Amino acid sequence: MRHFSIVLTVATIATAMVLPNWPENAGTWAQSVYTYPDSDFSIAFPGPPDVDAHAPQNDDAPGSWTYLVKENGISFSVRIDQYPKSIRVPDPTPFTYQLLLRGHAVETSSRLVSTGPVLLGKKPALQGVFASSNGGTELRRVLMVGHRVYQVSYSTEGPADPGQGAAFLDSFKLSY
């Protein structure tokens, strides 16, 4: 049951942050695309991510994967939570996405500043902008596909440049 509550409270995306010298050469950065066939996605991380994987043992078990790069006070993250196939998952509606974003705000003690519709992996998703009490900013996008919840985030410890966060978030592609 612990894995199910995580779905409503995980994923961190940050926007409006200043990334020192990133990406100075967008072409070079964009070539750092990492593909994860087991998790059905690829994304352009600024370097090799740390991976924390808890693959399901069978179709009736939950699973989770976290891919994280931290550098110069900036975090780039992809979080995937997988529900067991035997349970009914909520429909991927704006209301469900709002619940996921609000749960993240509670979990991180941050304030959900705004939300808006976006595409994530060419699918309709919802983006939230969060502000932390220490001046940090986070952009987070949430998407549900089948029994999986994808959360992609970009966060900084201070003010941010939304364009730089969007470059990372927009590089997310589903492989199906």
Foldseek 3Di string as FASTA:
>chain_A
DVLVLVQLADFWAFAQQADVPPPVDVVVQLVQWDDDVVVQKIFRDSDFWDKDWDDAPDLQGKIKMKTWDDDPQKIWIKIKIFHRLPDDDDDQDPVSLVSSVVNNCVVQVWDFPDKDWDDFQNHIWMWTWTAHPQAKIKIWIWDDDRRMIMITHMIGSHGHHRVSSVNRRNRMHGND
